[in-house]
Amino acid sequence: MRKFTTVSQFIQECSYLVDHGAAYSVEEVEKHIEEKDLIDWLEQEYPFGSELGLDFSLFKKQHRDYLHEQYDSILGGYQGDERRKWGIENNGLTLLISWGTEILRDLYGRNNMSDWVEE
């Protein structure tokens, strides 16, 4: 699985949870980022096959490690600025979505606009 697919699929799973009313504090989510057990924690909270079950079966160790590394990097640089920078203060899952978007921007290249042509 490509990095882009890993991150976008993780964002999709978080969006699914938010759409179904799931919520965790920003602090709770950041704790799991720090402990590098974010995906394991979400799998325990929403086991595959349950009503809101998540399917992370395609996420091998390298994919999980990559996500943990990327989220931890953002946490290290922006912890405490969640409200100011992203406007998020009530649901840590929405922070995962926003930070996932940041990861995709970094992955693709913030300044890579080669597919857009100025007219």
PDB file of N, CA and C in Angstrom:
ATOM      1  N   MET A   1       0.850  -1.169   0.000  1.00  0.00           N
ATOM      2  CA  MET A   1       0.000   0.000   0.000  1.00  0.00           C
ATOM      3  C   MET A   1       0.901   1.238   0.000  1.00  0.00           C
ATOM      4  N   ARG A   2       0.555   2.208  -0.825  1.00  0.00           N
ATOM      5  CA  ARG A   2       1.332   3.441  -0.897  1.00  0.00           C
ATOM      6  C   ARG A   2       1.068   4.319   0.326  1.00  0.00           C
ATOM      7  N   LYS A   3       2.001   5.232   0.593  1.00  0.00           N
ATOM      8  CA  LYS A   3       1.840   6.156   1.717  1.00  0.00           C
ATOM      9  C   LYS A   3       0.559   6.964   1.569  1.00  0.00           C
ATOM     10  N   PHE A   4       0.318   7.460   0.365  1.00  0.00           N
ATOM     11  CA  PHE A   4      -0.888   8.246   0.119  1.00  0.00           C
ATOM     12  C   PHE A   4      -2.138   7.444   0.469  1.00  0.00           C
ATOM     13  N   THR A   5      -2.180   6.190   0.051  1.00  0.00           N
ATOM     14  CA  THR A   5      -3.327   5.325   0.318  1.00  0.00           C
ATOM     15  C   THR A   5      -3.461   5.060   1.812  1.00  0.00           C
ATOM     16  N   THR A   6      -2.341   4.846   2.485  1.00  0.00           N
ATOM     17  CA  THR A   6      -2.357   4.606   3.925  1.00  0.00           C
ATOM     18  C   THR A   6      -2.992   5.780   4.654  1.00  0.00           C
ATOM     19  N   VAL A   7      -2.527   6.979   4.356  1.00  0.00           N
ATOM     20  CA  VAL A   7      -3.027   8.167   5.043  1.00  0.00           C
ATOM     21  C   VAL A   7      -4.476   8.442   4.671  1.00  0.00           C
ATOM     22  N   SER A   8      -4.805   8.368   3.395  1.00  0.00           N
ATOM     23  CA  SER A   8      -6.173   8.674   2.982  1.00  0.00           C
ATOM     24  C   SER A   8      -7.169   7.653   3.532  1.00  0.00           C
ATOM     25  N   GLN A   9      -6.780   6.391   3.617  1.00  0.00           N
ATOM     26  CA  GLN A   9      -7.668   5.383   4.199  1.00  0.00           C
ATOM     27  C   GLN A   9      -7.862   5.626   5.692  1.00  0.00           C
ATOM     28  N   PHE A  10      -6.803   6.047   6.376  1.00  0.00           N
ATOM     29  CA  PHE A  10      -6.926   6.362   7.800  1.00  0.00           C
ATOM     30  C   PHE A  10      -7.877   7.549   8.000  1.00  0.00           C
ATOM     31  N   ILE A  11      -7.748   8.574   7.153  1.00  0.00           N
ATOM     32  CA  ILE A  11      -8.649   9.726   7.219  1.00  0.00           C
ATOM     33  C   ILE A  11     -10.088   9.265   7.003  1.00  0.00           C
ATOM     34  N   GLN A  12     -10.298   8.386   6.046  1.00  0.00           N
ATOM     35  CA  GLN A  12     -11.641   7.883   5.761  1.00  0.00           C
ATOM     36  C   GLN A  12     -12.234   7.169   6.972  1.00  0.00           C
ATOM     37  N   GLU A  13     -11.442   6.352   7.630  1.00  0.00           N
ATOM     38  CA  GLU A  13     -11.933   5.636   8.820  1.00  0.00           C
ATOM     39  C   GLU A  13     -12.299   6.619   9.931  1.00  0.00           C
ATOM     40  N   CYS A  14     -11.485   7.648  10.131  1.00  0.00           N
ATOM     41  CA  CYS A  14     -11.785   8.667  11.141  1.00  0.00           C
ATOM     42  C   CYS A  14     -13.048   9.437  10.780  1.00  0.00           C
ATOM     43  N   SER A  15     -13.215   9.754   9.507  1.00  0.00           N
ATOM     44  CA  SER A  15     -14.418  10.462   9.045  1.00  0.00           C
ATOM     45  C   SER A  15     -15.670   9.622   9.305  1.00  0.00           C
ATOM     46  N   TYR A  16     -15.560   8.341   9.055  1.00  0.00           N
ATOM     47  CA  TYR A  16     -16.662   7.417   9.316  1.00  0.00           C
ATOM     48  C   TYR A  16     -17.074   7.474  10.789  1.00  0.00           C
ATOM     49  N   LEU A  17     -16.084   7.439  11.666  1.00  0.00           N
ATOM     50  CA  LEU A  17     -16.388   7.490  13.097  1.00  0.00           C
ATOM     51  C   LEU A  17     -17.069   8.791  13.481  1.00  0.00           C
ATOM     52  N   VAL A  18     -16.547   9.910  12.992  1.00  0.00           N
ATOM     53  CA  VAL A  18     -17.140  11.209  13.306  1.00  0.00           C
ATOM     54  C   VAL A  18     -18.575  11.276  12.799  1.00  0.00           C
ATOM     55  N   ASP A  19     -18.796  10.765  11.594  1.00  0.00           N
ATOM     56  CA  ASP A  19     -20.139  10.773  11.020  1.00  0.00           C
ATOM     57  C   ASP A  19     -21.129   9.976  11.866  1.00  0.00           C
ATOM     58  N   HIS A  20     -20.639   8.974  12.550  1.00  0.00           N
ATOM     59  CA  HIS A  20     -21.498   8.149  13.403  1.00  0.00           C
ATOM     60  C   HIS A  20     -21.479   8.593  14.868  1.00  0.00           C
ATOM     61  N   GLY A  21     -20.964   9.801  15.119  1.00  0.00           N
ATOM     62  CA  GLY A  21     -21.059  10.386  16.449  1.00  0.00           C
ATOM     63  C   GLY A  21     -19.925  10.084  17.408  1.00  0.00           C
ATOM     64  N   ALA A  22     -18.899   9.417  16.952  1.00  0.00           N
ATOM     65  CA  ALA A  22     -17.775   9.114  17.852  1.00  0.00           C
ATOM     66  C   ALA A  22     -17.012  10.391  18.182  1.00  0.00           C
ATOM     67  N   ALA A  23     -16.573  10.484  19.412  1.00  0.00           N
ATOM     68  CA  ALA A  23     -15.811  11.660  19.842  1.00  0.00           C
ATOM     69  C   ALA A  23     -14.881  11.273  20.982  1.00  0.00           C
ATOM     70  N   TYR A  24     -13.700  11.850  20.939  1.00  0.00           N
ATOM     71  CA  TYR A  24     -12.705  11.705  22.002  1.00  0.00           C
ATOM     72  C   TYR A  24     -12.065  13.058  22.209  1.00  0.00           C
ATOM     73  N   SER A  25     -11.604  13.298  23.392  1.00  0.00           N
ATOM     74  CA  SER A  25     -10.936  14.571  23.645  1.00  0.00           C
ATOM     75  C   SER A  25      -9.637  14.651  22.847  1.00  0.00           C
ATOM     76  N   VAL A  26      -9.226  15.864  22.587  1.00  0.00           N
ATOM     77  CA  VAL A  26      -7.947  16.087  21.914  1.00  0.00           C
ATOM     78  C   VAL A  26      -6.830  15.454  22.736  1.00  0.00           C
ATOM     79  N   GLU A  27      -6.917  15.598  24.039  1.00  0.00           N
ATOM     80  CA  GLU A  27      -5.887  15.047  24.931  1.00  0.00           C
ATOM     81  C   GLU A  27      -5.811  13.528  24.839  1.00  0.00           C
ATOM     82  N   GLU A  28      -6.964  12.865  24.759  1.00  0.00           N
ATOM     83  CA  GLU A  28      -6.985  11.397  24.652  1.00  0.00           C
ATOM     84  C   GLU A  28      -6.311  10.949  23.357  1.00  0.00           C
ATOM     85  N   VAL A  29      -6.643  11.591  22.265  1.00  0.00           N
ATOM     86  CA  VAL A  29      -6.056  11.228  20.973  1.00  0.00           C
ATOM     87  C   VAL A  29      -4.554  11.507  20.986  1.00  0.00           C
ATOM     88  N   GLU A  30      -4.150  12.641  21.527  1.00  0.00           N
ATOM     89  CA  GLU A  30      -2.722  12.971  21.575  1.00  0.00           C
ATOM     90  C   GLU A  30      -1.946  11.990  22.445  1.00  0.00           C
ATOM     91  N   LYS A  31      -2.583  11.488  23.488  1.00  0.00           N
ATOM     92  CA  LYS A  31      -1.943  10.470  24.342  1.00  0.00           C
ATOM     93  C   LYS A  31      -1.622   9.228  23.517  1.00  0.00           C
ATOM     94  N   HIS A  32      -2.551   8.832  22.663  1.00  0.00           N
ATOM     95  CA  HIS A  32      -2.334   7.635  21.845  1.00  0.00           C
ATOM     96  C   HIS A  32      -1.332   7.886  20.724  1.00  0.00           C
ATOM     97  N   ILE A  33      -1.246   9.116  20.267  1.00  0.00           N
ATOM     98  CA  ILE A  33      -0.187   9.454  19.311  1.00  0.00           C
ATOM     99  C   ILE A  33       1.159   9.318  20.003  1.00  0.00           C
ATOM    100  N   GLU A  34       1.286   9.879  21.195  1.00  0.00           N
ATOM    101  CA  GLU A  34       2.546   9.804  21.950  1.00  0.00           C
ATOM    102  C   GLU A  34       2.930   8.366  22.255  1.00  0.00           C
ATOM    103  N   GLU A  35       1.950   7.542  22.586  1.00  0.00           N
ATOM    104  CA  GLU A  35       2.217   6.143  22.931  1.00  0.00           C
ATOM    105  C   GLU A  35       2.392   5.260  21.693  1.00  0.00           C
ATOM    106  N   LYS A  36       2.184   5.855  20.530  1.00  0.00           N
ATOM    107  CA  LYS A  36       2.324   5.147  19.248  1.00  0.00           C
ATOM    108  C   LYS A  36       1.435   3.898  19.172  1.00  0.00           C
ATOM    109  N   ASP A  37       0.233   4.033  19.728  1.00  0.00           N
ATOM    110  CA  ASP A  37      -0.717   2.925  19.665  1.00  0.00           C
ATOM    111  C   ASP A  37      -2.064   3.378  19.092  1.00  0.00           C
ATOM    112  N   LEU A  38      -2.031   4.422  18.300  1.00  0.00           N
ATOM    113  CA  LEU A  38      -3.241   5.037  17.773  1.00  0.00           C
ATOM    114  C   LEU A  38      -4.133   4.030  17.043  1.00  0.00           C
ATOM    115  N   ILE A  39      -3.582   3.308  16.101  1.00  0.00           N
ATOM    116  CA  ILE A  39      -4.387   2.362  15.324  1.00  0.00           C
ATOM    117  C   ILE A  39      -4.813   1.182  16.192  1.00  0.00           C
ATOM    118  N   ASP A  40      -3.919   0.683  17.017  1.00  0.00           N
ATOM    119  CA  ASP A  40      -4.277  -0.422  17.915  1.00  0.00           C
ATOM    120  C   ASP A  40      -5.425  -0.010  18.834  1.00  0.00           C
ATOM    121  N   TRP A  41      -5.352   1.201  19.356  1.00  0.00           N
ATOM    122  CA  TRP A  41      -6.398   1.731  20.242  1.00  0.00           C
ATOM    123  C   TRP A  41      -7.734   1.810  19.506  1.00  0.00           C
ATOM    124  N   LEU A  42      -7.734   2.375  18.296  1.00  0.00           N
ATOM    125  CA  LEU A  42      -8.977   2.482  17.534  1.00  0.00           C
ATOM    126  C   LEU A  42      -9.527   1.101  17.179  1.00  0.00           C
ATOM    127  N   GLU A  43      -8.649   0.155  16.891  1.00  0.00           N
ATOM    128  CA  GLU A  43      -9.098  -1.222  16.616  1.00  0.00           C
ATOM    129  C   GLU A  43      -9.762  -1.838  17.837  1.00  0.00           C
ATOM    130  N   GLN A  44      -9.233  -1.547  19.021  1.00  0.00           N
ATOM    131  CA  GLN A  44      -9.832  -2.070  20.251  1.00  0.00           C
ATOM    132  C   GLN A  44     -11.177  -1.410  20.533  1.00  0.00           C
ATOM    133  N   GLU A  45     -11.261  -0.117  20.274  1.00  0.00           N
ATOM    134  CA  GLU A  45     -12.501   0.619  20.510  1.00  0.00           C
ATOM    135  C   GLU A  45     -13.600   0.214  19.521  1.00  0.00           C
ATOM    136  N   TYR A  46     -13.209  -0.073  18.282  1.00  0.00           N
ATOM    137  CA  TYR A  46     -14.156  -0.377  17.208  1.00  0.00           C
ATOM    138  C   TYR A  46     -13.706  -1.627  16.452  1.00  0.00           C
ATOM    139  N   PRO A  47     -13.825  -2.803  17.088  1.00  0.00           N
ATOM    140  CA  PRO A  47     -13.356  -4.031  16.448  1.00  0.00           C
ATOM    141  C   PRO A  47     -14.106  -4.340  15.157  1.00  0.00           C
ATOM    142  N   PHE A  48     -13.362  -4.844  14.194  1.00  0.00           N
ATOM    143  CA  PHE A  48     -13.949  -5.228  12.908  1.00  0.00           C
ATOM    144  C   PHE A  48     -15.072  -6.222  13.148  1.00  0.00           C
ATOM    145  N   GLY A  49     -16.184  -5.994  12.509  1.00  0.00           N
ATOM    146  CA  GLY A  49     -17.338  -6.873  12.676  1.00  0.00           C
ATOM    147  C   GLY A  49     -18.356  -6.341  13.661  1.00  0.00           C
ATOM    148  N   SER A  50     -17.957  -5.371  14.498  1.00  0.00           N
ATOM    149  CA  SER A  50     -18.915  -4.761  15.418  1.00  0.00           C
ATOM    150  C   SER A  50     -19.713  -3.693  14.670  1.00  0.00           C
ATOM    151  N   GLU A  51     -20.684  -3.102  15.347  1.00  0.00           N
ATOM    152  CA  GLU A  51     -21.577  -2.138  14.698  1.00  0.00           C
ATOM    153  C   GLU A  51     -20.827  -0.996  14.004  1.00  0.00           C
ATOM    154  N   LEU A  52     -19.844  -0.423  14.656  1.00  0.00           N
ATOM    155  CA  LEU A  52     -19.037   0.650  14.057  1.00  0.00           C
ATOM    156  C   LEU A  52     -17.615   0.174  13.793  1.00  0.00           C
ATOM    157  N   GLY A  53     -17.468  -1.098  13.536  1.00  0.00           N
ATOM    158  CA  GLY A  53     -16.140  -1.689  13.395  1.00  0.00           C
ATOM    159  C   GLY A  53     -15.314  -1.085  12.277  1.00  0.00           C
ATOM    160  N   LEU A  54     -14.034  -0.928  12.559  1.00  0.00           N
ATOM    161  CA  LEU A  54     -13.065  -0.422  11.589  1.00  0.00           C
ATOM    162  C   LEU A  54     -12.259  -1.589  11.036  1.00  0.00           C
ATOM    163  N   ASP A  55     -11.847  -1.451   9.801  1.00  0.00           N
ATOM    164  CA  ASP A  55     -11.041  -2.502   9.178  1.00  0.00           C
ATOM    165  C   ASP A  55      -9.655  -1.947   8.837  1.00  0.00           C
ATOM    166  N   PHE A  56      -8.713  -2.220   9.718  1.00  0.00           N
ATOM    167  CA  PHE A  56      -7.326  -1.828   9.492  1.00  0.00           C
ATOM    168  C   PHE A  56      -6.483  -3.040   9.091  1.00  0.00           C
ATOM    169  N   SER A  57      -7.117  -4.077   8.567  1.00  0.00           N
ATOM    170  CA  SER A  57      -6.402  -5.307   8.256  1.00  0.00           C
ATOM    171  C   SER A  57      -5.331  -5.109   7.179  1.00  0.00           C
ATOM    172  N   LEU A  58      -5.492  -4.128   6.318  1.00  0.00           N
ATOM    173  CA  LEU A  58      -4.476  -3.867   5.295  1.00  0.00           C
ATOM    174  C   LEU A  58      -3.292  -3.074   5.827  1.00  0.00           C
ATOM    175  N   PHE A  59      -3.403  -2.560   7.037  1.00  0.00           N
ATOM    176  CA  PHE A  59      -2.345  -1.759   7.635  1.00  0.00           C
ATOM    177  C   PHE A  59      -1.308  -2.668   8.285  1.00  0.00           C
ATOM    178  N   LYS A  60      -0.242  -2.931   7.554  1.00  0.00           N
ATOM    179  CA  LYS A  60       0.856  -3.741   8.076  1.00  0.00           C
ATOM    180  C   LYS A  60       1.697  -2.888   9.029  1.00  0.00           C
ATOM    181  N   LYS A  61       2.684  -3.492   9.645  1.00  0.00           N
ATOM    182  CA  LYS A  61       3.522  -2.779  10.610  1.00  0.00           C
ATOM    183  C   LYS A  61       4.147  -1.531   9.998  1.00  0.00           C
ATOM    184  N   GLN A  62       4.635  -1.615   8.774  1.00  0.00           N
ATOM    185  CA  GLN A  62       5.277  -0.448   8.159  1.00  0.00           C
ATOM    186  C   GLN A  62       4.288   0.692   7.947  1.00  0.00           C
ATOM    187  N   HIS A  63       3.031   0.387   7.658  1.00  0.00           N
ATOM    188  CA  HIS A  63       2.011   1.416   7.474  1.00  0.00           C
ATOM    189  C   HIS A  63       1.666   2.068   8.810  1.00  0.00           C
ATOM    190  N   ARG A  64       1.530   1.252   9.831  1.00  0.00           N
ATOM    191  CA  ARG A  64       1.226   1.767  11.172  1.00  0.00           C
ATOM    192  C   ARG A  64       2.382   2.623  11.682  1.00  0.00           C
ATOM    193  N   ASP A  65       3.604   2.129  11.489  1.00  0.00           N
ATOM    194  CA  ASP A  65       4.778   2.895  11.912  1.00  0.00           C
ATOM    195  C   ASP A  65       4.848   4.233  11.191  1.00  0.00           C
ATOM    196  N   TYR A  66       4.555   4.231   9.912  1.00  0.00           N
ATOM    197  CA  TYR A  66       4.586   5.473   9.134  1.00  0.00           C
ATOM    198  C   TYR A  66       3.560   6.475   9.682  1.00  0.00           C
ATOM    199  N   LEU A  67       2.337   6.014   9.914  1.00  0.00           N
ATOM    200  CA  LEU A  67       1.314   6.912  10.453  1.00  0.00           C
ATOM    201  C   LEU A  67       1.710   7.449  11.826  1.00  0.00           C
ATOM    202  N   HIS A  68       2.194   6.575  12.684  1.00  0.00           N
ATOM    203  CA  HIS A  68       2.604   7.025  14.019  1.00  0.00           C
ATOM    204  C   HIS A  68       3.724   8.050  13.930  1.00  0.00           C
ATOM    205  N   GLU A  69       4.680   7.816  13.077  1.00  0.00           N
ATOM    206  CA  GLU A  69       5.799   8.742  12.903  1.00  0.00           C
ATOM    207  C   GLU A  69       5.308  10.109  12.410  1.00  0.00           C
ATOM    208  N   GLN A  70       4.423  10.103  11.439  1.00  0.00           N
ATOM    209  CA  GLN A  70       3.923  11.353  10.866  1.00  0.00           C
ATOM    210  C   GLN A  70       3.063  12.126  11.868  1.00  0.00           C
ATOM    211  N   TYR A  71       2.161  11.439  12.536  1.00  0.00           N
ATOM    212  CA  TYR A  71       1.316  12.113  13.529  1.00  0.00           C
ATOM    213  C   TYR A  71       2.146  12.613  14.711  1.00  0.00           C
ATOM    214  N   ASP A  72       3.119  11.837  15.125  1.00  0.00           N
ATOM    215  CA  ASP A  72       3.976  12.259  16.234  1.00  0.00           C
ATOM    216  C   ASP A  72       4.803  13.487  15.860  1.00  0.00           C
ATOM    217  N   SER A  73       5.207  13.563  14.621  1.00  0.00           N
ATOM    218  CA  SER A  73       5.967  14.714  14.147  1.00  0.00           C
ATOM    219  C   SER A  73       5.127  15.995  14.231  1.00  0.00           C
ATOM    220  N   ILE A  74       3.884  15.905  13.816  1.00  0.00           N
ATOM    221  CA  ILE A  74       2.999  17.068  13.897  1.00  0.00           C
ATOM    222  C   ILE A  74       2.714  17.411  15.356  1.00  0.00           C
ATOM    223  N   LEU A  75       2.467  16.397  16.162  1.00  0.00           N
ATOM    224  CA  LEU A  75       2.208  16.616  17.583  1.00  0.00           C
ATOM    225  C   LEU A  75       3.376  17.351  18.231  1.00  0.00           C
ATOM    226  N   GLY A  76       4.588  16.928  17.916  1.00  0.00           N
ATOM    227  CA  GLY A  76       5.767  17.561  18.493  1.00  0.00           C
ATOM    228  C   GLY A  76       5.905  19.030  18.127  1.00  0.00           C
ATOM    229  N   GLY A  77       5.428  19.382  16.958  1.00  0.00           N
ATOM    230  CA  GLY A  77       5.556  20.765  16.509  1.00  0.00           C
ATOM    231  C   GLY A  77       4.383  21.655  16.849  1.00  0.00           C
ATOM    232  N   TYR A  78       3.213  21.067  17.095  1.00  0.00           N
ATOM    233  CA  TYR A  78       2.004  21.888  17.225  1.00  0.00           C
ATOM    234  C   TYR A  78       1.144  21.600  18.455  1.00  0.00           C
ATOM    235  N   GLN A  79       1.590  20.729  19.341  1.00  0.00           N
ATOM    236  CA  GLN A  79       0.782  20.421  20.512  1.00  0.00           C
ATOM    237  C   GLN A  79       0.513  21.701  21.293  1.00  0.00           C
ATOM    238  N   GLY A  80      -0.746  21.917  21.612  1.00  0.00           N
ATOM    239  CA  GLY A  80      -1.153  23.127  22.309  1.00  0.00           C
ATOM    240  C   GLY A  80      -1.667  24.212  21.375  1.00  0.00           C
ATOM    241  N   ASP A  81      -1.418  24.084  20.088  1.00  0.00           N
ATOM    242  CA  ASP A  81      -1.876  25.064  19.100  1.00  0.00           C
ATOM    243  C   ASP A  81      -3.040  24.554  18.258  1.00  0.00           C
ATOM    244  N   GLU A  82      -3.686  23.483  18.677  1.00  0.00           N
ATOM    245  CA  GLU A  82      -4.735  22.854  17.880  1.00  0.00           C
ATOM    246  C   GLU A  82      -5.876  23.831  17.576  1.00  0.00           C
ATOM    247  N   ARG A  83      -6.285  24.574  18.582  1.00  0.00           N
ATOM    248  CA  ARG A  83      -7.397  25.504  18.394  1.00  0.00           C
ATOM    249  C   ARG A  83      -6.984  26.680  17.515  1.00  0.00           C
ATOM    250  N   ARG A  84      -5.823  27.233  17.776  1.00  0.00           N
ATOM    251  CA  ARG A  84      -5.368  28.396  17.019  1.00  0.00           C
ATOM    252  C   ARG A  84      -5.086  28.046  15.562  1.00  0.00           C
ATOM    253  N   LYS A  85      -4.408  26.936  15.330  1.00  0.00           N
ATOM    254  CA  LYS A  85      -3.966  26.588  13.977  1.00  0.00           C
ATOM    255  C   LYS A  85      -5.060  25.916  13.140  1.00  0.00           C
ATOM    256  N   TRP A  86      -5.854  25.015  13.764  1.00  0.00           N
ATOM    257  CA  TRP A  86      -6.858  24.253  13.013  1.00  0.00           C
ATOM    258  C   TRP A  86      -8.290  24.533  13.456  1.00  0.00           C
ATOM    259  N   GLY A  87      -8.462  25.282  14.529  1.00  0.00           N
ATOM    260  CA  GLY A  87      -9.805  25.569  15.015  1.00  0.00           C
ATOM    261  C   GLY A  87     -10.462  24.384  15.700  1.00  0.00           C
ATOM    262  N   ILE A  88      -9.657  23.418  16.125  1.00  0.00           N
ATOM    263  CA  ILE A  88     -10.212  22.187  16.711  1.00  0.00           C
ATOM    264  C   ILE A  88      -9.938  22.156  18.209  1.00  0.00           C
ATOM    265  N   GLU A  89     -11.020  21.922  18.959  1.00  0.00           N
ATOM    266  CA  GLU A  89     -10.865  21.844  20.402  1.00  0.00           C
ATOM    267  C   GLU A  89     -11.796  20.822  21.055  1.00  0.00           C
ATOM    268  N   ASN A  90     -12.752  20.286  20.299  1.00  0.00           N
ATOM    269  CA  ASN A  90     -13.768  19.437  20.913  1.00  0.00           C
ATOM    270  C   ASN A  90     -13.688  17.955  20.586  1.00  0.00           C
ATOM    271  N   ASN A  91     -13.086  17.590  19.471  1.00  0.00           N
ATOM    272  CA  ASN A  91     -13.068  16.183  19.088  1.00  0.00           C
ATOM    273  C   ASN A  91     -11.707  15.833  18.486  1.00  0.00           C
ATOM    274  N   GLY A  92     -10.975  14.995  19.187  1.00  0.00           N
ATOM    275  CA  GLY A  92      -9.655  14.582  18.726  1.00  0.00           C
ATOM    276  C   GLY A  92      -9.677  13.844  17.400  1.00  0.00           C
ATOM    277  N   LEU A  93     -10.804  13.204  17.067  1.00  0.00           N
ATOM    278  CA  LEU A  93     -10.891  12.527  15.774  1.00  0.00           C
ATOM    279  C   LEU A  93     -10.840  13.531  14.626  1.00  0.00           C
ATOM    280  N   THR A  94     -11.434  14.703  14.824  1.00  0.00           N
ATOM    281  CA  THR A  94     -11.353  15.720  13.773  1.00  0.00           C
ATOM    282  C   THR A  94      -9.938  16.252  13.659  1.00  0.00           C
ATOM    283  N   LEU A  95      -9.205  16.230  14.748  1.00  0.00           N
ATOM    284  CA  LEU A  95      -7.796  16.617  14.690  1.00  0.00           C
ATOM    285  C   LEU A  95      -7.013  15.605  13.849  1.00  0.00           C
ATOM    286  N   LEU A  96      -7.322  14.331  13.986  1.00  0.00           N
ATOM    287  CA  LEU A  96      -6.669  13.304  13.169  1.00  0.00           C
ATOM    288  C   LEU A  96      -6.961  13.518  11.686  1.00  0.00           C
ATOM    289  N   ILE A  97      -8.170  13.937  11.376  1.00  0.00           N
ATOM    290  CA  ILE A  97      -8.523  14.214   9.981  1.00  0.00           C
ATOM    291  C   ILE A  97      -7.719  15.412   9.464  1.00  0.00           C
ATOM    292  N   SER A  98      -7.683  16.487  10.244  1.00  0.00           N
ATOM    293  CA  SER A  98      -6.935  17.684   9.824  1.00  0.00           C
ATOM    294  C   SER A  98      -5.452  17.399   9.702  1.00  0.00           C
ATOM    295  N   TRP A  99      -4.904  16.707  10.669  1.00  0.00           N
ATOM    296  CA  TRP A  99      -3.475  16.397  10.619  1.00  0.00           C
ATOM    297  C   TRP A  99      -3.176  15.416   9.490  1.00  0.00           C
ATOM    298  N   GLY A 100      -4.102  14.503   9.217  1.00  0.00           N
ATOM    299  CA  GLY A 100      -3.928  13.609   8.076  1.00  0.00           C
ATOM    300  C   GLY A 100      -3.869  14.385   6.774  1.00  0.00           C
ATOM    301  N   THR A 101      -4.687  15.412   6.671  1.00  0.00           N
ATOM    302  CA  THR A 101      -4.651  16.276   5.494  1.00  0.00           C
ATOM    303  C   THR A 101      -3.300  16.972   5.389  1.00  0.00           C
ATOM    304  N   GLU A 102      -2.761  17.405   6.509  1.00  0.00           N
ATOM    305  CA  GLU A 102      -1.426  18.026   6.522  1.00  0.00           C
ATOM    306  C   GLU A 102      -0.361  17.028   6.063  1.00  0.00           C
ATOM    307  N   ILE A 103      -0.485  15.795   6.499  1.00  0.00           N
ATOM    308  CA  ILE A 103       0.466  14.758   6.091  1.00  0.00           C
ATOM    309  C   ILE A 103       0.398  14.563   4.575  1.00  0.00           C
ATOM    310  N   LEU A 104      -0.811  14.520   4.034  1.00  0.00           N
ATOM    311  CA  LEU A 104      -0.955  14.373   2.579  1.00  0.00           C
ATOM    312  C   LEU A 104      -0.364  15.564   1.842  1.00  0.00           C
ATOM    313  N   ARG A 105      -0.564  16.759   2.371  1.00  0.00           N
ATOM    314  CA  ARG A 105       0.025  17.947   1.744  1.00  0.00           C
ATOM    315  C   ARG A 105       1.539  17.846   1.727  1.00  0.00           C
ATOM    316  N   ASP A 106       2.117  17.414   2.832  1.00  0.00           N
ATOM    317  CA  ASP A 106       3.572  17.259   2.893  1.00  0.00           C
ATOM    318  C   ASP A 106       4.050  16.153   1.957  1.00  0.00           C
ATOM    319  N   LEU A 107       3.281  15.096   1.879  1.00  0.00           N
ATOM    320  CA  LEU A 107       3.641  13.971   1.031  1.00  0.00           C
ATOM    321  C   LEU A 107       3.612  14.360  -0.443  1.00  0.00           C
ATOM    322  N   TYR A 108       2.587  15.058  -0.813  1.00  0.00           N
ATOM    323  CA  TYR A 108       2.448  15.463  -2.210  1.00  0.00           C
ATOM    324  C   TYR A 108       3.365  16.633  -2.538  1.00  0.00           C
ATOM    325  N   GLY A 109       3.588  17.481  -1.573  1.00  0.00           N
ATOM    326  CA  GLY A 109       4.419  18.661  -1.771  1.00  0.00           C
ATOM    327  C   GLY A 109       3.554  19.902  -1.813  1.00  0.00           C
ATOM    328  N   ARG A 110       3.683  20.713  -0.795  1.00  0.00           N
ATOM    329  CA  ARG A 110       2.860  21.918  -0.690  1.00  0.00           C
ATOM    330  C   ARG A 110       3.039  22.844  -1.879  1.00  0.00           C
ATOM    331  N   ASN A 111       4.227  22.847  -2.453  1.00  0.00           N
ATOM    332  CA  ASN A 111       4.498  23.757  -3.557  1.00  0.00           C
ATOM    333  C   ASN A 111       4.446  23.080  -4.915  1.00  0.00           C
ATOM    334  N   ASN A 112       4.044  21.828  -4.948  1.00  0.00           N
ATOM    335  CA  ASN A 112       3.981  21.093  -6.201  1.00  0.00           C
ATOM    336  C   ASN A 112       2.652  21.373  -6.891  1.00  0.00           C
ATOM    337  N   MET A 113       2.644  22.336  -7.731  1.00  0.00           N
ATOM    338  CA  MET A 113       1.422  22.701  -8.435  1.00  0.00           C
ATOM    339  C   MET A 113       1.575  22.418  -9.922  1.00  0.00           C
ATOM    340  N   SER A 114       2.406  21.436 -10.278  1.00  0.00           N
ATOM    341  CA  SER A 114       2.694  21.157 -11.670  1.00  0.00           C
ATOM    342  C   SER A 114       1.472  20.742 -12.478  1.00  0.00           C
ATOM    343  N   ASP A 115       0.419  20.293 -11.802  1.00  0.00           N
ATOM    344  CA  ASP A 115      -0.763  19.886 -12.545  1.00  0.00           C
ATOM    345  C   ASP A 115      -1.745  21.048 -12.740  1.00  0.00           C
ATOM    346  N   TRP A 116      -1.391  22.233 -12.259  1.00  0.00           N
ATOM    347  CA  TRP A 116      -2.199  23.435 -12.469  1.00  0.00           C
ATOM    348  C   TRP A 116      -1.422  24.385 -13.367  1.00  0.00           C
ATOM    349  N   VAL A 117      -2.101  24.993 -14.274  1.00  0.00           N
ATOM    350  CA  VAL A 117      -1.466  25.924 -15.200  1.00  0.00           C
ATOM    351  C   VAL A 117      -2.094  27.291 -15.013  1.00  0.00           C
ATOM    352  N   GLU A 118      -1.258  28.270 -14.778  1.00  0.00           N
ATOM    353  CA  GLU A 118      -1.734  29.657 -14.674  1.00  0.00           C
ATOM    354  C   GLU A 118      -2.095  30.159 -16.049  1.00  0.00           C
ATOM    355  N   GLU A 119      -3.217  30.801 -16.170  1.00  0.00           N
ATOM    356  CA  GLU A 119      -3.599  31.354 -17.473  1.00  0.00           C
ATOM    357  C   GLU A 119      -3.631  32.858 -17.403  1.00  0.00           C
TER     358      GLU A 119
END
